[in-house]
């Protein structure tokens, strides 16, 4: 938040990731939620 406040032109993509345990579809959903 401080970084975004100090750099008002900064735009970010927030990327979620998981490990490979479990169903890949559920992992994709979990990473999106994260």
ModelCIF file with pLDDT and N, C-alpha, C, O atoms, coordinates in Angstrom:
data_MODEL
#
_entry.id   MODEL 
#
_entity.id                         1 
_entity.type                       polymer 
_entity.pdbx_number_of_molecules   1 
#
_entity_poly.entity_id                      1 
_entity_poly.type                           'polypeptide(L)' 
_entity_poly.nstd_linkage                   no 
_entity_poly.nstd_monomer                   no 
_entity_poly.pdbx_seq_one_letter_code       
;(UNK)(UNK)(UNK)(UNK)(UNK)(UNK)(UNK)(UNK)(UNK)(UNK)(UNK)(UNK)(UNK)(UNK)(UNK)(UNK)
(UNK)(UNK)(UNK)(UNK)(UNK)(UNK)(UNK)(UNK)(UNK)(UNK)(UNK)(UNK)(UNK)(UNK)(UNK)(UNK)
(UNK)(UNK)
;
_entity_poly.pdbx_seq_one_letter_code_can   XXXXXXXXXXXXXXXXXXXXXXXXXXXXXXXXXX 
_entity_poly.pdbx_strand_id                 A 
#
loop_
_entity_poly_seq.entity_id 
_entity_poly_seq.num 
_entity_poly_seq.mon_id 
_entity_poly_seq.hetero 
1 1  UNK n 
1 2  UNK n 
1 3  UNK n 
1 4  UNK n 
1 5  UNK n 
1 6  UNK n 
1 7  UNK n 
1 8  UNK n 
1 9  UNK n 
1 10 UNK n 
1 11 UNK n 
1 12 UNK n 
1 13 UNK n 
1 14 UNK n 
1 15 UNK n 
1 16 UNK n 
1 17 UNK n 
1 18 UNK n 
1 19 UNK n 
1 20 UNK n 
1 21 UNK n 
1 22 UNK n 
1 23 UNK n 
1 24 UNK n 
1 25 UNK n 
1 26 UNK n 
1 27 UNK n 
1 28 UNK n 
1 29 UNK n 
1 30 UNK n 
1 31 UNK n 
1 32 UNK n 
1 33 UNK n 
1 34 UNK n 
#
_struct_asym.id          A 
_struct_asym.entity_id   1 
#
loop_
_ma_qa_metric.id 
_ma_qa_metric.mode 
_ma_qa_metric.name 
_ma_qa_metric.software_group_id 
_ma_qa_metric.type 
1 global pLDDT . pLDDT 
2 local  pLDDT . pLDDT 
#
_ma_qa_metric_global.metric_id      1 
_ma_qa_metric_global.metric_value   97.38 
_ma_qa_metric_global.model_id       1 
_ma_qa_metric_global.ordinal_id     1 
#
loop_
_ma_qa_metric_local.label_asym_id 
_ma_qa_metric_local.label_comp_id 
_ma_qa_metric_local.label_seq_id 
_ma_qa_metric_local.metric_id 
_ma_qa_metric_local.metric_value 
_ma_qa_metric_local.model_id 
_ma_qa_metric_local.ordinal_id 
A UNK 1  2 97.00 1 1  
A UNK 2  2 97.00 1 2  
A UNK 3  2 97.00 1 3  
A UNK 4  2 97.00 1 4  
A UNK 5  2 97.00 1 5  
A UNK 6  2 97.00 1 6  
A UNK 7  2 97.00 1 7  
A UNK 8  2 96.00 1 8  
A UNK 9  2 96.00 1 9  
A UNK 10 2 97.00 1 10 
A UNK 11 2 98.00 1 11 
A UNK 12 2 98.00 1 12 
A UNK 13 2 98.00 1 13 
A UNK 14 2 98.00 1 14 
A UNK 15 2 98.00 1 15 
A UNK 16 2 98.00 1 16 
A UNK 17 2 98.00 1 17 
A UNK 18 2 98.00 1 18 
A UNK 19 2 98.00 1 19 
A UNK 20 2 97.00 1 20 
A UNK 21 2 97.00 1 21 
A UNK 22 2 96.00 1 22 
A UNK 23 2 97.00 1 23 
A UNK 24 2 96.00 1 24 
A UNK 25 2 97.00 1 25 
A UNK 26 2 98.00 1 26 
A UNK 27 2 98.00 1 27 
A UNK 28 2 98.00 1 28 
A UNK 29 2 98.00 1 29 
A UNK 30 2 98.00 1 30 
A UNK 31 2 98.00 1 31 
A UNK 32 2 98.00 1 32 
A UNK 33 2 98.00 1 33 
A UNK 34 2 97.00 1 34 
#
loop_
_atom_site.group_PDB 
_atom_site.id 
_atom_site.type_symbol 
_atom_site.label_atom_id 
_atom_site.label_alt_id 
_atom_site.label_comp_id 
_atom_site.label_asym_id 
_atom_site.label_entity_id 
_atom_site.label_seq_id 
_atom_site.pdbx_PDB_ins_code 
_atom_site.Cartn_x 
_atom_site.Cartn_y 
_atom_site.Cartn_z 
_atom_site.occupancy 
_atom_site.B_iso_or_equiv 
_atom_site.pdbx_formal_charge 
_atom_site.auth_seq_id 
_atom_site.auth_comp_id 
_atom_site.auth_asym_id 
_atom_site.auth_atom_id 
_atom_site.pdbx_PDB_model_num 
ATOM 1   N N  . UNK A 1 1  ? 0.822  -1.201  0.000   1.00 97.00 ? 1  UNK A N  1 
ATOM 2   C CA . UNK A 1 1  ? 0.000  0.000   0.000   1.00 97.00 ? 1  UNK A CA 1 
ATOM 3   C C  . UNK A 1 1  ? 0.862  1.259   0.000   1.00 97.00 ? 1  UNK A C  1 
ATOM 4   O O  . UNK A 1 1  ? 0.572  2.209   -0.727  1.00 97.00 ? 1  UNK A O  1 
ATOM 5   N N  . UNK A 1 2  ? 1.909  1.272   0.804   1.00 97.00 ? 2  UNK A N  1 
ATOM 6   C CA . UNK A 1 2  ? 2.825  2.416   0.836   1.00 97.00 ? 2  UNK A CA 1 
ATOM 7   C C  . UNK A 1 2  ? 3.491  2.625   -0.519  1.00 97.00 ? 2  UNK A C  1 
ATOM 8   O O  . UNK A 1 2  ? 3.632  3.757   -0.981  1.00 97.00 ? 2  UNK A O  1 
ATOM 9   N N  . UNK A 1 3  ? 3.899  1.528   -1.150  1.00 97.00 ? 3  UNK A N  1 
ATOM 10  C CA . UNK A 1 3  ? 4.540  1.616   -2.456  1.00 97.00 ? 3  UNK A CA 1 
ATOM 11  C C  . UNK A 1 3  ? 3.566  2.184   -3.492  1.00 97.00 ? 3  UNK A C  1 
ATOM 12  O O  . UNK A 1 3  ? 3.933  3.050   -4.287  1.00 97.00 ? 3  UNK A O  1 
ATOM 13  N N  . UNK A 1 4  ? 2.333  1.695   -3.476  1.00 97.00 ? 4  UNK A N  1 
ATOM 14  C CA . UNK A 1 4  ? 1.335  2.194   -4.414  1.00 97.00 ? 4  UNK A CA 1 
ATOM 15  C C  . UNK A 1 4  ? 1.026  3.665   -4.160  1.00 97.00 ? 4  UNK A C  1 
ATOM 16  O O  . UNK A 1 4  ? 0.799  4.425   -5.102  1.00 97.00 ? 4  UNK A O  1 
ATOM 17  N N  . UNK A 1 5  ? 1.017  4.060   -2.916  1.00 97.00 ? 5  UNK A N  1 
ATOM 18  C CA . UNK A 1 5  ? 0.771  5.456   -2.576  1.00 97.00 ? 5  UNK A CA 1 
ATOM 19  C C  . UNK A 1 5  ? 1.923  6.352   -3.050  1.00 97.00 ? 5  UNK A C  1 
ATOM 20  O O  . UNK A 1 5  ? 1.698  7.458   -3.541  1.00 97.00 ? 5  UNK A O  1 
ATOM 21  N N  . UNK A 1 6  ? 3.134  5.869   -2.899  1.00 97.00 ? 6  UNK A N  1 
ATOM 22  C CA . UNK A 1 6  ? 4.315  6.647   -3.292  1.00 97.00 ? 6  UNK A CA 1 
ATOM 23  C C  . UNK A 1 6  ? 4.497  6.717   -4.806  1.00 97.00 ? 6  UNK A C  1 
ATOM 24  O O  . UNK A 1 6  ? 5.179  7.609   -5.309  1.00 97.00 ? 6  UNK A O  1 
ATOM 25  N N  . UNK A 1 7  ? 3.892  5.782   -5.529  1.00 97.00 ? 7  UNK A N  1 
ATOM 26  C CA . UNK A 1 7  ? 4.048  5.709   -6.989  1.00 97.00 ? 7  UNK A CA 1 
ATOM 27  C C  . UNK A 1 7  ? 2.662  5.635   -7.639  1.00 97.00 ? 7  UNK A C  1 
ATOM 28  O O  . UNK A 1 7  ? 2.208  4.554   -8.014  1.00 97.00 ? 7  UNK A O  1 
ATOM 29  N N  . UNK A 1 8  ? 1.996  6.781   -7.771  1.00 96.00 ? 8  UNK A N  1 
ATOM 30  C CA . UNK A 1 8  ? 0.605  6.783   -8.243  1.00 96.00 ? 8  UNK A CA 1 
ATOM 31  C C  . UNK A 1 8  ? 0.398  6.274   -9.671  1.00 96.00 ? 8  UNK A C  1 
ATOM 32  O O  . UNK A 1 8  ? -0.730 5.961   -10.051 1.00 96.00 ? 8  UNK A O  1 
ATOM 33  N N  . UNK A 1 9  ? 1.454  6.186   -10.458 1.00 96.00 ? 9  UNK A N  1 
ATOM 34  C CA . UNK A 1 9  ? 1.312  5.667   -11.822 1.00 96.00 ? 9  UNK A CA 1 
ATOM 35  C C  . UNK A 1 9  ? 1.549  4.160   -11.903 1.00 96.00 ? 9  UNK A C  1 
ATOM 36  O O  . UNK A 1 9  ? 1.389  3.565   -12.968 1.00 96.00 ? 9  UNK A O  1 
ATOM 37  N N  . UNK A 1 10 ? 1.922  3.551   -10.799 1.00 97.00 ? 10 UNK A N  1 
ATOM 38  C CA . UNK A 1 10 ? 2.221  2.121   -10.775 1.00 97.00 ? 10 UNK A CA 1 
ATOM 39  C C  . UNK A 1 10 ? 0.942  1.302   -10.915 1.00 97.00 ? 10 UNK A C  1 
ATOM 40  O O  . UNK A 1 10 ? -0.053 1.552   -10.235 1.00 97.00 ? 10 UNK A O  1 
ATOM 41  N N  . UNK A 1 11 ? 0.990  0.318   -11.811 1.00 98.00 ? 11 UNK A N  1 
ATOM 42  C CA . UNK A 1 11 ? -0.124 -0.610  -12.023 1.00 98.00 ? 11 UNK A CA 1 
ATOM 43  C C  . UNK A 1 11 ? 0.429  -2.022  -11.840 1.00 98.00 ? 11 UNK A C  1 
ATOM 44  O O  . UNK A 1 11 ? 1.530  -2.333  -12.295 1.00 98.00 ? 11 UNK A O  1 
ATOM 45  N N  . UNK A 1 12 ? -0.351 -2.873  -11.168 1.00 98.00 ? 12 UNK A N  1 
ATOM 46  C CA . UNK A 1 12 ? 0.128  -4.214  -10.830 1.00 98.00 ? 12 UNK A CA 1 
ATOM 47  C C  . UNK A 1 12 ? -0.823 -5.303  -11.313 1.00 98.00 ? 12 UNK A C  1 
ATOM 48  O O  . UNK A 1 12 ? -2.040 -5.126  -11.362 1.00 98.00 ? 12 UNK A O  1 
ATOM 49  N N  . UNK A 1 13 ? -0.222 -6.429  -11.666 1.00 98.00 ? 13 UNK A N  1 
ATOM 50  C CA . UNK A 1 13 ? -0.972 -7.673  -11.854 1.00 98.00 ? 13 UNK A CA 1 
ATOM 51  C C  . UNK A 1 13 ? -0.641 -8.543  -10.649 1.00 98.00 ? 13 UNK A C  1 
ATOM 52  O O  . UNK A 1 13 ? 0.530  -8.803  -10.370 1.00 98.00 ? 13 UNK A O  1 
ATOM 53  N N  . UNK A 1 14 ? -1.651 -8.984  -9.946  1.00 98.00 ? 14 UNK A N  1 
ATOM 54  C CA . UNK A 1 14 ? -1.487 -9.827  -8.764  1.00 98.00 ? 14 UNK A CA 1 
ATOM 55  C C  . UNK A 1 14 ? -1.712 -11.259 -9.217  1.00 98.00 ? 14 UNK A C  1 
ATOM 56  O O  . UNK A 1 14 ? -2.809 -11.621 -9.642  1.00 98.00 ? 14 UNK A O  1 
ATOM 57  N N  . UNK A 1 15 ? -0.664 -12.074 -9.122  1.00 98.00 ? 15 UNK A N  1 
ATOM 58  C CA . UNK A 1 15 ? -0.705 -13.451 -9.607  1.00 98.00 ? 15 UNK A CA 1 
ATOM 59  C C  . UNK A 1 15 ? -0.745 -14.433 -8.448  1.00 98.00 ? 15 UNK A C  1 
ATOM 60  O O  . UNK A 1 15 ? 0.107  -14.389 -7.561  1.00 98.00 ? 15 UNK A O  1 
ATOM 61  N N  . UNK A 1 16 ? -1.736 -15.323 -8.457  1.00 98.00 ? 16 UNK A N  1 
ATOM 62  C CA . UNK A 1 16 ? -1.839 -16.365 -7.451  1.00 98.00 ? 16 UNK A CA 1 
ATOM 63  C C  . UNK A 1 16 ? -1.311 -17.682 -7.988  1.00 98.00 ? 16 UNK A C  1 
ATOM 64  O O  . UNK A 1 16 ? -1.473 -17.991 -9.168  1.00 98.00 ? 16 UNK A O  1 
ATOM 65  N N  . UNK A 1 17 ? -0.674 -18.464 -7.109  1.00 98.00 ? 17 UNK A N  1 
ATOM 66  C CA . UNK A 1 17 ? -0.075 -19.744 -7.490  1.00 98.00 ? 17 UNK A CA 1 
ATOM 67  C C  . UNK A 1 17 ? -0.341 -20.775 -6.395  1.00 98.00 ? 17 UNK A C  1 
ATOM 68  O O  . UNK A 1 17 ? -0.594 -20.424 -5.242  1.00 98.00 ? 17 UNK A O  1 
ATOM 69  N N  . UNK A 1 18 ? -0.280 -22.054 -6.773  1.00 98.00 ? 18 UNK A N  1 
ATOM 70  C CA . UNK A 1 18 ? -0.425 -23.147 -5.818  1.00 98.00 ? 18 UNK A CA 1 
ATOM 71  C C  . UNK A 1 18 ? 0.647  -24.205 -6.086  1.00 98.00 ? 18 UNK A C  1 
ATOM 72  O O  . UNK A 1 18 ? 1.393  -24.124 -7.062  1.00 98.00 ? 18 UNK A O  1 
ATOM 73  N N  . UNK A 1 19 ? 0.704  -25.191 -5.203  1.00 98.00 ? 19 UNK A N  1 
ATOM 74  C CA . UNK A 1 19 ? 1.547  -26.359 -5.472  1.00 98.00 ? 19 UNK A CA 1 
ATOM 75  C C  . UNK A 1 19 ? 0.752  -27.316 -6.364  1.00 98.00 ? 19 UNK A C  1 
ATOM 76  O O  . UNK A 1 19 ? -0.339 -26.974 -6.819  1.00 98.00 ? 19 UNK A O  1 
ATOM 77  N N  . UNK A 1 20 ? 1.285  -28.496 -6.612  1.00 97.00 ? 20 UNK A N  1 
ATOM 78  C CA . UNK A 1 20 ? 0.614  -29.432 -7.521  1.00 97.00 ? 20 UNK A CA 1 
ATOM 79  C C  . UNK A 1 20 ? -0.166 -30.532 -6.796  1.00 97.00 ? 20 UNK A C  1 
ATOM 80  O O  . UNK A 1 20 ? -0.534 -31.530 -7.415  1.00 97.00 ? 20 UNK A O  1 
ATOM 81  N N  . UNK A 1 21 ? -0.420 -30.365 -5.510  1.00 97.00 ? 21 UNK A N  1 
ATOM 82  C CA . UNK A 1 21 ? -1.165 -31.358 -4.751  1.00 97.00 ? 21 UNK A CA 1 
ATOM 83  C C  . UNK A 1 21 ? -2.661 -31.130 -4.986  1.00 97.00 ? 21 UNK A C  1 
ATOM 84  O O  . UNK A 1 21 ? -3.151 -30.009 -4.851  1.00 97.00 ? 21 UNK A O  1 
ATOM 85  N N  . UNK A 1 22 ? -3.377 -32.192 -5.337  1.00 96.00 ? 22 UNK A N  1 
ATOM 86  C CA . UNK A 1 22 ? -4.808 -32.093 -5.537  1.00 96.00 ? 22 UNK A CA 1 
ATOM 87  C C  . UNK A 1 22 ? -5.183 -31.854 -6.985  1.00 96.00 ? 22 UNK A C  1 
ATOM 88  O O  . UNK A 1 22 ? -4.344 -31.882 -7.885  1.00 96.00 ? 22 UNK A O  1 
ATOM 89  N N  . UNK A 1 23 ? -6.458 -31.621 -7.178  1.00 97.00 ? 23 UNK A N  1 
ATOM 90  C CA . UNK A 1 23 ? -7.045 -31.428 -8.496  1.00 97.00 ? 23 UNK A CA 1 
ATOM 91  C C  . UNK A 1 23 ? -6.575 -30.109 -9.111  1.00 97.00 ? 23 UNK A C  1 
ATOM 92  O O  . UNK A 1 23 ? -6.613 -29.069 -8.453  1.00 97.00 ? 23 UNK A O  1 
ATOM 93  N N  . UNK A 1 24 ? -6.134 -30.147 -10.364 1.00 96.00 ? 24 UNK A N  1 
ATOM 94  C CA . UNK A 1 24 ? -5.608 -28.939 -10.997 1.00 96.00 ? 24 UNK A CA 1 
ATOM 95  C C  . UNK A 1 24 ? -6.687 -27.867 -11.170 1.00 96.00 ? 24 UNK A C  1 
ATOM 96  O O  . UNK A 1 24 ? -6.391 -26.676 -11.080 1.00 96.00 ? 24 UNK A O  1 
ATOM 97  N N  . UNK A 1 25 ? -7.919 -28.273 -11.416 1.00 97.00 ? 25 UNK A N  1 
ATOM 98  C CA . UNK A 1 25 ? -9.001 -27.295 -11.525 1.00 97.00 ? 25 UNK A CA 1 
ATOM 99  C C  . UNK A 1 25 ? -9.255 -26.570 -10.210 1.00 97.00 ? 25 UNK A C  1 
ATOM 100 O O  . UNK A 1 25 ? -9.469 -25.358 -10.181 1.00 97.00 ? 25 UNK A O  1 
ATOM 101 N N  . UNK A 1 26 ? -9.227 -27.330 -9.130  1.00 98.00 ? 26 UNK A N  1 
ATOM 102 C CA . UNK A 1 26 ? -9.409 -26.712 -7.806  1.00 98.00 ? 26 UNK A CA 1 
ATOM 103 C C  . UNK A 1 26 ? -8.211 -25.827 -7.465  1.00 98.00 ? 26 UNK A C  1 
ATOM 104 O O  . UNK A 1 26 ? -8.375 -24.778 -6.842  1.00 98.00 ? 26 UNK A O  1 
ATOM 105 N N  . UNK A 1 27 ? -7.021 -26.238 -7.864  1.00 98.00 ? 27 UNK A N  1 
ATOM 106 C CA . UNK A 1 27 ? -5.832 -25.408 -7.620  1.00 98.00 ? 27 UNK A CA 1 
ATOM 107 C C  . UNK A 1 27 ? -5.921 -24.096 -8.390  1.00 98.00 ? 27 UNK A C  1 
ATOM 108 O O  . UNK A 1 27 ? -5.525 -23.049 -7.880  1.00 98.00 ? 27 UNK A O  1 
ATOM 109 N N  . UNK A 1 28 ? -6.438 -24.147 -9.613  1.00 98.00 ? 28 UNK A N  1 
ATOM 110 C CA . UNK A 1 28 ? -6.611 -22.920 -10.404 1.00 98.00 ? 28 UNK A CA 1 
ATOM 111 C C  . UNK A 1 28 ? -7.567 -21.984 -9.682  1.00 98.00 ? 28 UNK A C  1 
ATOM 112 O O  . UNK A 1 28 ? -7.292 -20.791 -9.549  1.00 98.00 ? 28 UNK A O  1 
ATOM 113 N N  . UNK A 1 29 ? -8.688 -22.520 -9.214  1.00 98.00 ? 29 UNK A N  1 
ATOM 114 C CA . UNK A 1 29 ? -9.662 -21.703 -8.483  1.00 98.00 ? 29 UNK A CA 1 
ATOM 115 C C  . UNK A 1 29 ? -9.037 -21.130 -7.218  1.00 98.00 ? 29 UNK A C  1 
ATOM 116 O O  . UNK A 1 29 ? -9.212 -19.948 -6.923  1.00 98.00 ? 29 UNK A O  1 
ATOM 117 N N  . UNK A 1 30 ? -8.312 -21.952 -6.472  1.00 98.00 ? 30 UNK A N  1 
ATOM 118 C CA . UNK A 1 30 ? -7.657 -21.485 -5.253  1.00 98.00 ? 30 UNK A CA 1 
ATOM 119 C C  . UNK A 1 30 ? -6.675 -20.358 -5.562  1.00 98.00 ? 30 UNK A C  1 
ATOM 120 O O  . UNK A 1 30 ? -6.625 -19.367 -4.833  1.00 98.00 ? 30 UNK A O  1 
ATOM 121 N N  . UNK A 1 31 ? -5.901 -20.497 -6.622  1.00 98.00 ? 31 UNK A N  1 
ATOM 122 C CA . UNK A 1 31 ? -4.928 -19.458 -6.963  1.00 98.00 ? 31 UNK A CA 1 
ATOM 123 C C  . UNK A 1 31 ? -5.630 -18.160 -7.359  1.00 98.00 ? 31 UNK A C  1 
ATOM 124 O O  . UNK A 1 31 ? -5.146 -17.074 -7.044  1.00 98.00 ? 31 UNK A O  1 
ATOM 125 N N  . UNK A 1 32 ? -6.763 -18.267 -8.042  1.00 98.00 ? 32 UNK A N  1 
ATOM 126 C CA . UNK A 1 32 ? -7.537 -17.073 -8.395  1.00 98.00 ? 32 UNK A CA 1 
ATOM 127 C C  . UNK A 1 32 ? -8.067 -16.390 -7.140  1.00 98.00 ? 32 UNK A C  1 
ATOM 128 O O  . UNK A 1 32 ? -8.029 -15.165 -7.026  1.00 98.00 ? 32 UNK A O  1 
ATOM 129 N N  . UNK A 1 33 ? -8.560 -17.192 -6.201  1.00 98.00 ? 33 UNK A N  1 
ATOM 130 C CA . UNK A 1 33 ? -9.073 -16.643 -4.941  1.00 98.00 ? 33 UNK A CA 1 
ATOM 131 C C  . UNK A 1 33 ? -7.953 -15.982 -4.135  1.00 98.00 ? 33 UNK A C  1 
ATOM 132 O O  . UNK A 1 33 ? -8.159 -14.940 -3.513  1.00 98.00 ? 33 UNK A O  1 
ATOM 133 N N  . UNK A 1 34 ? -6.786 -16.588 -4.152  1.00 97.00 ? 34 UNK A N  1 
ATOM 134 C CA . UNK A 1 34 ? -5.631 -16.052 -3.435  1.00 97.00 ? 34 UNK A CA 1 
ATOM 135 C C  . UNK A 1 34 ? -5.274 -14.666 -3.985  1.00 97.00 ? 34 UNK A C  1 
ATOM 136 O O  . UNK A 1 34 ? -4.325 -14.040 -3.512  1.00 97.00 ? 34 UNK A O  1 
#
